[in-house]
Amino acid sequence: MTELVAGLTLSQGGLGGQLCGLVALGGFCIAGFANKNDDRLLVLLISANVAFALMFAFFQSWTAAALTVLVILRIALARRYQGNGLIMAAMLVVNLLVAWATWTSATDVFPPLTAAVLGTVGMFMLRGGIPPLRIVLGGLAALAWMLNNLVIGSVGGTLAEGMVLVTNVITIIRLYRLQKQYPGLDLQAPRSGEERG
């Protein structure tokens, strides 16, 4: 761990990347987890991803930056077109094309593309279940982003994704306990403004 901290670059790009990662962590991720309003949460989530995209750009991690911009588009599309396999497939193809066009090494592609694919499938297609596969995929996507942040040396990005990962694990444990305590409980409640059907 000390080698990781000692190896952090504080060049102008490195300093800008660290600041963007910390802004994403403190200004948007922590505020997002404390928020209960869906619309405000969406704004915070999009804002965090803008900060992450800037962070990746400062670190010259172009594949991660481009895929993070696509995450912003995916959030909006998945919210409006939940369960639409055609739009999900189109997003997956665009993710692959962007990764192909921007990669320079294996570490440019593996963690960010893995995170993008898991996040896309989770946001578009999966709901409910114990443990909810959507949350599991979100946790795995967070782990992939965390690995990417470790590779590029982003402290704020690593902490933010670590927080997402821990939150997902805690949520899975809580939902599992609820299901055991109340076997007939339906944990797949509709979102606000959405009907079950």
N, C-alpha and C. Protein backbone atom coordinates (compact mmCIF):
# COMPACT_ATOMS: atom_id res chain seq x y z
N MET A 1 0.82 -1.19 0.00
CA MET A 1 0.00 0.00 0.00
C MET A 1 0.86 1.25 0.00
N THR A 2 1.97 1.23 0.73
CA THR A 2 2.83 2.40 0.75
C THR A 2 3.43 2.66 -0.62
N GLU A 3 3.69 1.60 -1.39
CA GLU A 3 4.20 1.79 -2.74
C GLU A 3 3.16 2.48 -3.62
N LEU A 4 1.90 2.14 -3.42
CA LEU A 4 0.82 2.78 -4.18
C LEU A 4 0.80 4.27 -3.88
N VAL A 5 0.83 4.63 -2.59
CA VAL A 5 0.79 6.04 -2.21
C VAL A 5 2.05 6.76 -2.69
N ALA A 6 3.21 6.12 -2.57
CA ALA A 6 4.46 6.74 -3.00
C ALA A 6 4.49 6.93 -4.51
N GLY A 7 3.81 6.06 -5.25
CA GLY A 7 3.82 6.12 -6.70
C GLY A 7 2.81 7.08 -7.30
N LEU A 8 1.98 7.72 -6.48
CA LEU A 8 0.99 8.64 -7.00
C LEU A 8 1.67 9.85 -7.61
N THR A 9 1.22 10.22 -8.79
CA THR A 9 1.81 11.37 -9.46
C THR A 9 1.06 12.62 -9.05
N LEU A 10 1.82 13.67 -8.79
CA LEU A 10 1.19 14.94 -8.46
C LEU A 10 1.54 15.98 -9.52
N SER A 11 1.72 15.51 -10.74
CA SER A 11 1.86 16.44 -11.85
C SER A 11 0.55 17.19 -11.98
N GLN A 12 0.50 18.16 -12.89
CA GLN A 12 -0.75 18.90 -13.05
C GLN A 12 -1.91 17.96 -13.35
N GLY A 13 -1.70 17.01 -14.25
CA GLY A 13 -2.75 16.04 -14.58
C GLY A 13 -3.08 15.15 -13.41
N GLY A 14 -2.05 14.69 -12.71
CA GLY A 14 -2.27 13.82 -11.56
C GLY A 14 -2.99 14.54 -10.44
N LEU A 15 -2.62 15.80 -10.19
CA LEU A 15 -3.28 16.58 -9.15
C LEU A 15 -4.74 16.85 -9.54
N GLY A 16 -4.96 17.22 -10.80
CA GLY A 16 -6.32 17.44 -11.27
C GLY A 16 -7.15 16.17 -11.17
N GLY A 17 -6.57 15.02 -11.51
CA GLY A 17 -7.26 13.74 -11.40
C GLY A 17 -7.61 13.41 -9.97
N GLN A 18 -6.66 13.65 -9.06
CA GLN A 18 -6.93 13.37 -7.64
C GLN A 18 -8.06 14.26 -7.13
N LEU A 19 -8.03 15.55 -7.50
CA LEU A 19 -9.08 16.47 -7.06
C LEU A 19 -10.45 16.05 -7.60
N CYS A 20 -10.51 15.68 -8.88
CA CYS A 20 -11.79 15.23 -9.46
C CYS A 20 -12.29 13.97 -8.78
N GLY A 21 -11.39 13.04 -8.48
CA GLY A 21 -11.78 11.81 -7.79
C GLY A 21 -12.32 12.10 -6.40
N LEU A 22 -11.68 13.04 -5.69
CA LEU A 22 -12.15 13.39 -4.35
C LEU A 22 -13.47 14.15 -4.40
N VAL A 23 -13.64 15.01 -5.42
CA VAL A 23 -14.93 15.71 -5.59
C VAL A 23 -16.03 14.68 -5.87
N ALA A 24 -15.74 13.71 -6.74
CA ALA A 24 -16.73 12.66 -7.04
C ALA A 24 -17.10 11.90 -5.77
N LEU A 25 -16.08 11.59 -4.95
CA LEU A 25 -16.32 10.86 -3.71
C LEU A 25 -17.14 11.69 -2.73
N GLY A 26 -16.63 12.85 -2.37
CA GLY A 26 -17.26 13.64 -1.31
C GLY A 26 -18.49 14.40 -1.75
N GLY A 27 -18.38 15.04 -2.90
CA GLY A 27 -19.46 15.91 -3.33
C GLY A 27 -20.66 15.18 -3.88
N PHE A 28 -20.44 14.02 -4.47
CA PHE A 28 -21.54 13.37 -5.16
C PHE A 28 -21.85 11.97 -4.64
N CYS A 29 -20.85 11.12 -4.43
CA CYS A 29 -21.12 9.75 -3.99
C CYS A 29 -21.67 9.70 -2.57
N ILE A 30 -20.99 10.37 -1.64
CA ILE A 30 -21.46 10.35 -0.26
C ILE A 30 -22.83 11.03 -0.16
N ALA A 31 -22.99 12.16 -0.85
CA ALA A 31 -24.28 12.85 -0.86
C ALA A 31 -25.36 11.97 -1.49
N GLY A 32 -25.00 11.22 -2.52
CA GLY A 32 -25.96 10.33 -3.18
C GLY A 32 -26.44 9.22 -2.27
N PHE A 33 -25.54 8.64 -1.49
CA PHE A 33 -25.95 7.57 -0.58
C PHE A 33 -26.82 8.09 0.55
N ALA A 34 -26.67 9.36 0.91
CA ALA A 34 -27.47 9.94 1.97
C ALA A 34 -28.83 10.43 1.46
N ASN A 35 -29.04 10.40 0.17
CA ASN A 35 -30.22 10.97 -0.46
C ASN A 35 -31.32 9.93 -0.64
N LYS A 36 -32.57 10.36 -0.49
CA LYS A 36 -33.70 9.44 -0.67
C LYS A 36 -34.59 9.85 -1.84
N ASN A 37 -34.33 11.00 -2.45
CA ASN A 37 -35.13 11.50 -3.56
C ASN A 37 -34.56 10.98 -4.88
N ASP A 38 -35.38 10.26 -5.67
CA ASP A 38 -34.92 9.65 -6.92
C ASP A 38 -34.37 10.66 -7.91
N ASP A 39 -35.05 11.79 -8.07
CA ASP A 39 -34.60 12.78 -9.04
C ASP A 39 -33.28 13.41 -8.62
N ARG A 40 -33.15 13.74 -7.36
CA ARG A 40 -31.90 14.31 -6.86
C ARG A 40 -30.78 13.28 -6.94
N LEU A 41 -31.09 12.03 -6.64
CA LEU A 41 -30.10 10.97 -6.74
C LEU A 41 -29.59 10.83 -8.18
N LEU A 42 -30.49 10.93 -9.15
CA LEU A 42 -30.10 10.85 -10.55
C LEU A 42 -29.14 11.98 -10.91
N VAL A 43 -29.44 13.20 -10.46
CA VAL A 43 -28.55 14.34 -10.72
C VAL A 43 -27.19 14.12 -10.07
N LEU A 44 -27.18 13.63 -8.83
CA LEU A 44 -25.91 13.37 -8.14
C LEU A 44 -25.11 12.27 -8.84
N LEU A 45 -25.79 11.23 -9.29
CA LEU A 45 -25.13 10.12 -9.98
C LEU A 45 -24.51 10.59 -11.30
N ILE A 46 -25.25 11.38 -12.04
CA ILE A 46 -24.72 11.92 -13.30
C ILE A 46 -23.55 12.86 -13.00
N SER A 47 -23.68 13.71 -11.99
CA SER A 47 -22.60 14.63 -11.62
C SER A 47 -21.34 13.87 -11.20
N ALA A 48 -21.52 12.81 -10.43
CA ALA A 48 -20.36 11.99 -10.03
C ALA A 48 -19.67 11.41 -11.25
N ASN A 49 -20.45 10.95 -12.23
CA ASN A 49 -19.84 10.38 -13.42
C ASN A 49 -19.16 11.43 -14.29
N VAL A 50 -19.64 12.66 -14.29
CA VAL A 50 -18.92 13.74 -14.97
C VAL A 50 -17.57 13.95 -14.30
N ALA A 51 -17.57 13.98 -12.95
CA ALA A 51 -16.31 14.13 -12.21
C ALA A 51 -15.37 12.95 -12.47
N PHE A 52 -15.93 11.73 -12.53
CA PHE A 52 -15.09 10.57 -12.82
C PHE A 52 -14.51 10.64 -14.24
N ALA A 53 -15.32 11.07 -15.20
CA ALA A 53 -14.82 11.19 -16.59
C ALA A 53 -13.67 12.19 -16.64
N LEU A 54 -13.82 13.32 -15.94
CA LEU A 54 -12.74 14.30 -15.89
C LEU A 54 -11.51 13.72 -15.20
N MET A 55 -11.74 12.98 -14.11
CA MET A 55 -10.63 12.34 -13.40
C MET A 55 -9.85 11.42 -14.34
N PHE A 56 -10.58 10.57 -15.08
CA PHE A 56 -9.91 9.66 -16.00
C PHE A 56 -9.16 10.42 -17.09
N ALA A 57 -9.75 11.51 -17.56
CA ALA A 57 -9.08 12.32 -18.59
C ALA A 57 -7.79 12.92 -18.04
N PHE A 58 -7.82 13.45 -16.81
CA PHE A 58 -6.61 13.98 -16.20
C PHE A 58 -5.52 12.91 -16.08
N PHE A 59 -5.93 11.69 -15.79
CA PHE A 59 -4.97 10.58 -15.68
C PHE A 59 -4.63 9.97 -17.04
N GLN A 60 -5.20 10.53 -18.09
CA GLN A 60 -5.00 10.06 -19.47
C GLN A 60 -5.43 8.60 -19.64
N SER A 61 -6.46 8.23 -18.92
CA SER A 61 -7.07 6.91 -19.05
C SER A 61 -8.28 7.09 -19.96
N TRP A 62 -7.99 7.16 -21.28
CA TRP A 62 -9.00 7.59 -22.25
C TRP A 62 -10.15 6.60 -22.41
N THR A 63 -9.86 5.32 -22.32
CA THR A 63 -10.94 4.33 -22.43
C THR A 63 -11.91 4.49 -21.27
N ALA A 64 -11.38 4.61 -20.06
CA ALA A 64 -12.24 4.78 -18.88
C ALA A 64 -13.02 6.09 -18.97
N ALA A 65 -12.39 7.14 -19.46
CA ALA A 65 -13.08 8.43 -19.59
C ALA A 65 -14.24 8.31 -20.58
N ALA A 66 -13.99 7.71 -21.73
CA ALA A 66 -15.04 7.57 -22.74
C ALA A 66 -16.17 6.66 -22.27
N LEU A 67 -15.82 5.55 -21.62
CA LEU A 67 -16.85 4.65 -21.12
C LEU A 67 -17.66 5.29 -20.00
N THR A 68 -17.04 6.16 -19.23
CA THR A 68 -17.77 6.85 -18.16
C THR A 68 -18.76 7.85 -18.75
N VAL A 69 -18.40 8.50 -19.84
CA VAL A 69 -19.36 9.38 -20.52
C VAL A 69 -20.55 8.54 -21.00
N LEU A 70 -20.28 7.34 -21.49
CA LEU A 70 -21.37 6.45 -21.91
C LEU A 70 -22.22 6.00 -20.72
N VAL A 71 -21.62 5.90 -19.53
CA VAL A 71 -22.38 5.56 -18.33
C VAL A 71 -23.47 6.60 -18.10
N ILE A 72 -23.14 7.87 -18.33
CA ILE A 72 -24.13 8.94 -18.15
C ILE A 72 -25.31 8.72 -19.09
N LEU A 73 -25.02 8.41 -20.34
CA LEU A 73 -26.08 8.13 -21.32
C LEU A 73 -26.87 6.89 -20.90
N ARG A 74 -26.15 5.86 -20.44
CA ARG A 74 -26.80 4.61 -20.02
C ARG A 74 -27.76 4.84 -18.86
N ILE A 75 -27.38 5.68 -17.91
CA ILE A 75 -28.25 5.96 -16.76
C ILE A 75 -29.58 6.52 -17.24
N ALA A 76 -29.51 7.49 -18.15
CA ALA A 76 -30.74 8.10 -18.66
C ALA A 76 -31.57 7.10 -19.47
N LEU A 77 -30.91 6.33 -20.32
CA LEU A 77 -31.65 5.36 -21.15
C LEU A 77 -32.25 4.23 -20.32
N ALA A 78 -31.49 3.70 -19.37
CA ALA A 78 -31.98 2.58 -18.56
C ALA A 78 -33.14 3.01 -17.68
N ARG A 79 -33.12 4.24 -17.24
CA ARG A 79 -34.23 4.72 -16.43
C ARG A 79 -35.51 4.81 -17.26
N ARG A 80 -35.37 5.23 -18.49
CA ARG A 80 -36.54 5.40 -19.36
C ARG A 80 -36.96 4.10 -20.04
N TYR A 81 -36.00 3.24 -20.38
CA TYR A 81 -36.29 2.03 -21.16
C TYR A 81 -35.88 0.76 -20.42
N GLN A 82 -36.22 0.67 -19.14
CA GLN A 82 -35.90 -0.51 -18.33
C GLN A 82 -36.40 -1.77 -19.02
N GLY A 83 -35.53 -2.77 -19.17
CA GLY A 83 -35.93 -4.05 -19.75
C GLY A 83 -35.88 -4.10 -21.26
N ASN A 84 -35.50 -3.03 -21.92
CA ASN A 84 -35.45 -3.00 -23.38
C ASN A 84 -34.13 -3.61 -23.86
N GLY A 85 -34.21 -4.85 -24.33
CA GLY A 85 -33.02 -5.58 -24.76
C GLY A 85 -32.33 -4.98 -25.97
N LEU A 86 -33.09 -4.37 -26.86
CA LEU A 86 -32.51 -3.76 -28.06
C LEU A 86 -31.64 -2.55 -27.70
N ILE A 87 -32.15 -1.70 -26.83
CA ILE A 87 -31.36 -0.53 -26.42
C ILE A 87 -30.15 -0.98 -25.60
N MET A 88 -30.34 -1.99 -24.75
CA MET A 88 -29.22 -2.52 -23.99
C MET A 88 -28.15 -3.06 -24.93
N ALA A 89 -28.55 -3.83 -25.95
CA ALA A 89 -27.59 -4.39 -26.90
C ALA A 89 -26.86 -3.28 -27.65
N ALA A 90 -27.59 -2.24 -28.02
CA ALA A 90 -26.95 -1.11 -28.71
C ALA A 90 -25.91 -0.44 -27.81
N MET A 91 -26.24 -0.28 -26.52
CA MET A 91 -25.27 0.31 -25.58
C MET A 91 -24.05 -0.57 -25.42
N LEU A 92 -24.26 -1.89 -25.38
CA LEU A 92 -23.12 -2.81 -25.27
C LEU A 92 -22.22 -2.70 -26.50
N VAL A 93 -22.82 -2.63 -27.68
CA VAL A 93 -22.03 -2.50 -28.91
C VAL A 93 -21.25 -1.18 -28.91
N VAL A 94 -21.90 -0.10 -28.52
CA VAL A 94 -21.23 1.20 -28.48
C VAL A 94 -20.07 1.15 -27.47
N ASN A 95 -20.28 0.51 -26.32
CA ASN A 95 -19.20 0.35 -25.34
C ASN A 95 -18.02 -0.40 -25.93
N LEU A 96 -18.29 -1.48 -26.64
CA LEU A 96 -17.21 -2.25 -27.26
C LEU A 96 -16.47 -1.43 -28.31
N LEU A 97 -17.21 -0.70 -29.13
CA LEU A 97 -16.57 0.13 -30.16
C LEU A 97 -15.72 1.23 -29.55
N VAL A 98 -16.22 1.86 -28.53
CA VAL A 98 -15.46 2.93 -27.86
C VAL A 98 -14.20 2.35 -27.22
N ALA A 99 -14.32 1.21 -26.55
CA ALA A 99 -13.15 0.58 -25.94
C ALA A 99 -12.12 0.21 -27.01
N TRP A 100 -12.59 -0.33 -28.12
CA TRP A 100 -11.69 -0.71 -29.21
C TRP A 100 -10.97 0.51 -29.78
N ALA A 101 -11.70 1.62 -29.91
CA ALA A 101 -11.13 2.82 -30.52
C ALA A 101 -10.16 3.56 -29.60
N THR A 102 -10.25 3.36 -28.29
CA THR A 102 -9.46 4.18 -27.37
C THR A 102 -8.38 3.42 -26.60
N TRP A 103 -8.37 2.12 -26.63
CA TRP A 103 -7.46 1.38 -25.77
C TRP A 103 -6.01 1.49 -26.24
N THR A 104 -5.10 1.45 -25.27
CA THR A 104 -3.67 1.42 -25.58
C THR A 104 -2.97 0.25 -24.89
N SER A 105 -3.61 -0.32 -23.86
CA SER A 105 -3.03 -1.48 -23.17
C SER A 105 -4.16 -2.32 -22.59
N ALA A 106 -3.82 -3.49 -22.12
CA ALA A 106 -4.83 -4.40 -21.55
C ALA A 106 -5.53 -3.78 -20.34
N THR A 107 -4.77 -3.02 -19.54
CA THR A 107 -5.40 -2.41 -18.36
C THR A 107 -6.34 -1.27 -18.75
N ASP A 108 -6.22 -0.75 -19.96
CA ASP A 108 -7.19 0.24 -20.45
C ASP A 108 -8.54 -0.40 -20.71
N VAL A 109 -8.52 -1.66 -21.09
CA VAL A 109 -9.75 -2.32 -21.53
C VAL A 109 -10.37 -3.17 -20.43
N PHE A 110 -9.58 -4.01 -19.77
CA PHE A 110 -10.18 -5.00 -18.87
C PHE A 110 -11.06 -4.39 -17.77
N PRO A 111 -10.51 -3.61 -16.83
CA PRO A 111 -11.43 -3.16 -15.77
C PRO A 111 -12.56 -2.26 -16.28
N PRO A 112 -12.28 -1.22 -17.10
CA PRO A 112 -13.40 -0.35 -17.49
C PRO A 112 -14.45 -1.03 -18.35
N LEU A 113 -14.04 -1.86 -19.30
CA LEU A 113 -15.02 -2.52 -20.16
C LEU A 113 -15.83 -3.55 -19.38
N THR A 114 -15.18 -4.26 -18.48
CA THR A 114 -15.90 -5.20 -17.61
C THR A 114 -16.96 -4.46 -16.80
N ALA A 115 -16.56 -3.33 -16.21
CA ALA A 115 -17.51 -2.54 -15.42
C ALA A 115 -18.66 -2.03 -16.28
N ALA A 116 -18.34 -1.58 -17.49
CA ALA A 116 -19.38 -1.04 -18.38
C ALA A 116 -20.38 -2.13 -18.78
N VAL A 117 -19.88 -3.31 -19.10
CA VAL A 117 -20.78 -4.40 -19.51
C VAL A 117 -21.65 -4.85 -18.34
N LEU A 118 -21.04 -5.07 -17.18
CA LEU A 118 -21.83 -5.49 -16.01
C LEU A 118 -22.85 -4.44 -15.62
N GLY A 119 -22.43 -3.18 -15.62
CA GLY A 119 -23.35 -2.11 -15.27
C GLY A 119 -24.50 -1.98 -16.26
N THR A 120 -24.21 -2.14 -17.54
CA THR A 120 -25.25 -2.03 -18.57
C THR A 120 -26.28 -3.13 -18.42
N VAL A 121 -25.83 -4.36 -18.28
CA VAL A 121 -26.77 -5.48 -18.12
C VAL A 121 -27.57 -5.30 -16.83
N GLY A 122 -26.90 -4.94 -15.76
CA GLY A 122 -27.58 -4.75 -14.48
C GLY A 122 -28.63 -3.65 -14.51
N MET A 123 -28.31 -2.54 -15.15
CA MET A 123 -29.26 -1.42 -15.16
C MET A 123 -30.44 -1.66 -16.09
N PHE A 124 -30.23 -2.34 -17.20
CA PHE A 124 -31.32 -2.52 -18.16
C PHE A 124 -32.19 -3.73 -17.86
N MET A 125 -31.60 -4.83 -17.44
CA MET A 125 -32.32 -6.10 -17.49
C MET A 125 -32.70 -6.73 -16.16
N LEU A 126 -32.03 -6.43 -15.10
CA LEU A 126 -32.22 -7.24 -13.90
C LEU A 126 -32.93 -6.49 -12.79
N ARG A 127 -33.92 -7.17 -12.21
CA ARG A 127 -34.66 -6.63 -11.08
C ARG A 127 -35.06 -7.76 -10.16
N GLY A 128 -35.10 -7.46 -8.87
CA GLY A 128 -35.60 -8.42 -7.90
C GLY A 128 -34.66 -9.58 -7.64
N GLY A 129 -35.16 -10.56 -6.90
CA GLY A 129 -34.37 -11.75 -6.57
C GLY A 129 -33.62 -11.57 -5.27
N ILE A 130 -33.22 -12.69 -4.66
CA ILE A 130 -32.43 -12.65 -3.43
C ILE A 130 -31.22 -13.53 -3.61
N PRO A 131 -29.99 -13.04 -3.55
CA PRO A 131 -29.70 -11.61 -3.53
C PRO A 131 -29.97 -11.02 -4.91
N PRO A 132 -30.41 -9.78 -4.96
CA PRO A 132 -30.75 -9.21 -6.26
C PRO A 132 -29.52 -9.20 -7.17
N LEU A 133 -29.67 -9.82 -8.31
CA LEU A 133 -28.56 -9.91 -9.24
C LEU A 133 -28.12 -8.53 -9.71
N ARG A 134 -29.06 -7.62 -9.75
CA ARG A 134 -28.73 -6.24 -10.15
C ARG A 134 -27.70 -5.64 -9.19
N ILE A 135 -27.89 -5.86 -7.88
CA ILE A 135 -26.97 -5.33 -6.88
C ILE A 135 -25.64 -6.07 -6.96
N VAL A 136 -25.68 -7.38 -7.19
CA VAL A 136 -24.45 -8.16 -7.34
C VAL A 136 -23.65 -7.64 -8.53
N LEU A 137 -24.32 -7.44 -9.67
CA LEU A 137 -23.62 -6.91 -10.84
C LEU A 137 -23.10 -5.51 -10.58
N GLY A 138 -23.87 -4.70 -9.86
CA GLY A 138 -23.40 -3.37 -9.49
C GLY A 138 -22.15 -3.44 -8.63
N GLY A 139 -22.13 -4.38 -7.71
CA GLY A 139 -20.94 -4.57 -6.86
C GLY A 139 -19.74 -5.03 -7.66
N LEU A 140 -19.97 -5.95 -8.61
CA LEU A 140 -18.86 -6.41 -9.45
C LEU A 140 -18.36 -5.29 -10.36
N ALA A 141 -19.28 -4.48 -10.86
CA ALA A 141 -18.88 -3.33 -11.68
C ALA A 141 -18.06 -2.35 -10.84
N ALA A 142 -18.49 -2.11 -9.60
CA ALA A 142 -17.75 -1.23 -8.70
C ALA A 142 -16.35 -1.79 -8.43
N LEU A 143 -16.26 -3.11 -8.27
CA LEU A 143 -14.95 -3.74 -8.06
C LEU A 143 -14.06 -3.53 -9.29
N ALA A 144 -14.62 -3.67 -10.48
CA ALA A 144 -13.82 -3.46 -11.69
C ALA A 144 -13.37 -2.00 -11.79
N TRP A 145 -14.27 -1.05 -11.49
CA TRP A 145 -13.86 0.36 -11.51
C TRP A 145 -12.82 0.63 -10.44
N MET A 146 -12.96 -0.02 -9.27
CA MET A 146 -11.99 0.16 -8.20
C MET A 146 -10.61 -0.32 -8.63
N LEU A 147 -10.56 -1.48 -9.30
CA LEU A 147 -9.28 -1.98 -9.82
C LEU A 147 -8.68 -1.00 -10.83
N ASN A 148 -9.52 -0.45 -11.69
CA ASN A 148 -9.04 0.54 -12.65
C ASN A 148 -8.46 1.76 -11.93
N ASN A 149 -9.16 2.22 -10.89
CA ASN A 149 -8.68 3.38 -10.14
C ASN A 149 -7.37 3.10 -9.42
N LEU A 150 -7.20 1.88 -8.96
CA LEU A 150 -5.92 1.49 -8.35
C LEU A 150 -4.81 1.52 -9.38
N VAL A 151 -5.09 1.01 -10.58
CA VAL A 151 -4.08 0.97 -11.65
C VAL A 151 -3.62 2.38 -12.02
N ILE A 152 -4.57 3.33 -12.13
CA ILE A 152 -4.18 4.68 -12.53
C ILE A 152 -3.70 5.53 -11.35
N GLY A 153 -3.95 5.07 -10.12
CA GLY A 153 -3.47 5.78 -8.94
C GLY A 153 -4.42 6.81 -8.37
N SER A 154 -5.71 6.66 -8.58
CA SER A 154 -6.68 7.62 -8.08
C SER A 154 -7.16 7.23 -6.68
N VAL A 155 -6.84 8.06 -5.71
CA VAL A 155 -7.25 7.80 -4.34
C VAL A 155 -8.76 7.99 -4.18
N GLY A 156 -9.28 9.15 -4.63
CA GLY A 156 -10.71 9.43 -4.50
C GLY A 156 -11.56 8.43 -5.26
N GLY A 157 -11.14 8.08 -6.48
CA GLY A 157 -11.89 7.10 -7.27
C GLY A 157 -11.91 5.74 -6.62
N THR A 158 -10.76 5.33 -6.06
CA THR A 158 -10.68 4.03 -5.39
C THR A 158 -11.59 4.01 -4.16
N LEU A 159 -11.54 5.08 -3.36
CA LEU A 159 -12.39 5.15 -2.16
C LEU A 159 -13.87 5.18 -2.52
N ALA A 160 -14.22 5.93 -3.58
CA ALA A 160 -15.62 6.02 -3.99
C ALA A 160 -16.15 4.65 -4.41
N GLU A 161 -15.41 3.94 -5.25
CA GLU A 161 -15.86 2.63 -5.70
C GLU A 161 -15.83 1.61 -4.57
N GLY A 162 -14.88 1.75 -3.65
CA GLY A 162 -14.87 0.88 -2.47
C GLY A 162 -16.12 1.09 -1.63
N MET A 163 -16.55 2.35 -1.51
CA MET A 163 -17.77 2.65 -0.77
C MET A 163 -18.99 2.04 -1.46
N VAL A 164 -19.04 2.13 -2.78
CA VAL A 164 -20.14 1.52 -3.53
C VAL A 164 -20.15 0.00 -3.32
N LEU A 165 -18.98 -0.61 -3.39
CA LEU A 165 -18.86 -2.06 -3.21
C LEU A 165 -19.33 -2.48 -1.82
N VAL A 166 -18.87 -1.80 -0.80
CA VAL A 166 -19.26 -2.14 0.58
C VAL A 166 -20.77 -1.92 0.77
N THR A 167 -21.29 -0.83 0.22
CA THR A 167 -22.73 -0.56 0.32
C THR A 167 -23.54 -1.66 -0.34
N ASN A 168 -23.10 -2.13 -1.51
CA ASN A 168 -23.80 -3.21 -2.20
C ASN A 168 -23.77 -4.50 -1.39
N VAL A 169 -22.63 -4.82 -0.79
CA VAL A 169 -22.53 -6.03 0.03
C VAL A 169 -23.47 -5.92 1.24
N ILE A 170 -23.48 -4.77 1.90
CA ILE A 170 -24.37 -4.58 3.04
C ILE A 170 -25.83 -4.70 2.62
N THR A 171 -26.18 -4.13 1.47
CA THR A 171 -27.55 -4.22 0.96
C THR A 171 -27.95 -5.66 0.68
N ILE A 172 -27.06 -6.43 0.08
CA ILE A 172 -27.35 -7.84 -0.20
C ILE A 172 -27.59 -8.59 1.11
N ILE A 173 -26.77 -8.35 2.12
CA ILE A 173 -26.93 -9.02 3.40
C ILE A 173 -28.26 -8.62 4.04
N ARG A 174 -28.59 -7.35 4.01
CA ARG A 174 -29.86 -6.89 4.60
C ARG A 174 -31.06 -7.50 3.88
N LEU A 175 -31.03 -7.51 2.55
CA LEU A 175 -32.14 -8.09 1.80
C LEU A 175 -32.27 -9.59 2.05
N TYR A 176 -31.16 -10.27 2.15
CA TYR A 176 -31.18 -11.70 2.43
C TYR A 176 -31.80 -11.96 3.80
N ARG A 177 -31.42 -11.16 4.79
CA ARG A 177 -31.99 -11.31 6.14
C ARG A 177 -33.49 -11.01 6.15
N LEU A 178 -33.89 -9.97 5.43
CA LEU A 178 -35.32 -9.64 5.32
C LEU A 178 -36.10 -10.80 4.71
N GLN A 179 -35.55 -11.38 3.66
CA GLN A 179 -36.23 -12.49 2.98
C GLN A 179 -36.35 -13.70 3.91
N LYS A 180 -35.33 -13.95 4.72
CA LYS A 180 -35.40 -15.06 5.67
C LYS A 180 -36.39 -14.77 6.78
N GLN A 181 -36.43 -13.53 7.24
CA GLN A 181 -37.33 -13.16 8.33
C GLN A 181 -38.77 -13.10 7.86
N TYR A 182 -39.01 -12.63 6.63
CA TYR A 182 -40.35 -12.50 6.07
C TYR A 182 -40.39 -13.19 4.71
N PRO A 183 -40.54 -14.52 4.67
CA PRO A 183 -40.44 -15.28 3.41
C PRO A 183 -41.38 -14.82 2.31
N GLY A 184 -42.53 -14.28 2.62
CA GLY A 184 -43.47 -13.85 1.58
C GLY A 184 -43.27 -12.40 1.14
N LEU A 185 -42.31 -11.71 1.73
CA LEU A 185 -42.08 -10.30 1.44
C LEU A 185 -41.59 -10.11 0.01
N ASP A 186 -42.25 -9.20 -0.73
CA ASP A 186 -41.85 -8.89 -2.10
C ASP A 186 -40.88 -7.71 -2.04
N LEU A 187 -39.63 -7.98 -2.31
CA LEU A 187 -38.60 -6.94 -2.25
C LEU A 187 -38.45 -6.19 -3.56
N GLN A 188 -39.28 -6.49 -4.51
CA GLN A 188 -39.20 -5.85 -5.82
C GLN A 188 -40.31 -4.80 -5.91
N ALA A 189 -40.23 -3.80 -5.06
CA ALA A 189 -41.25 -2.75 -5.04
C ALA A 189 -41.09 -1.87 -6.26
N PRO A 190 -42.21 -1.39 -6.80
CA PRO A 190 -42.10 -0.50 -7.97
C PRO A 190 -41.46 0.82 -7.59
N ARG A 191 -40.75 1.44 -8.56
CA ARG A 191 -40.18 2.76 -8.35
C ARG A 191 -41.30 3.78 -8.36
N SER A 192 -41.00 4.97 -7.84
CA SER A 192 -42.02 6.01 -7.83
C SER A 192 -42.46 6.31 -9.26
N GLY A 193 -43.78 6.41 -9.44
CA GLY A 193 -44.31 6.69 -10.75
C GLY A 193 -44.34 5.50 -11.69
N GLU A 194 -44.04 4.31 -11.18
CA GLU A 194 -43.97 3.11 -12.03
C GLU A 194 -44.97 2.10 -11.50
N GLU A 195 -45.69 1.47 -12.41
CA GLU A 195 -46.64 0.44 -12.01
C GLU A 195 -46.02 -0.93 -12.21
N ARG A 196 -46.47 -1.85 -11.38
CA ARG A 196 -46.01 -3.22 -11.50
C ARG A 196 -46.86 -3.90 -12.55
N GLY A 197 -46.24 -4.69 -13.41
CA GLY A 197 -47.08 -5.32 -14.42
C GLY A 197 -46.58 -6.54 -15.04
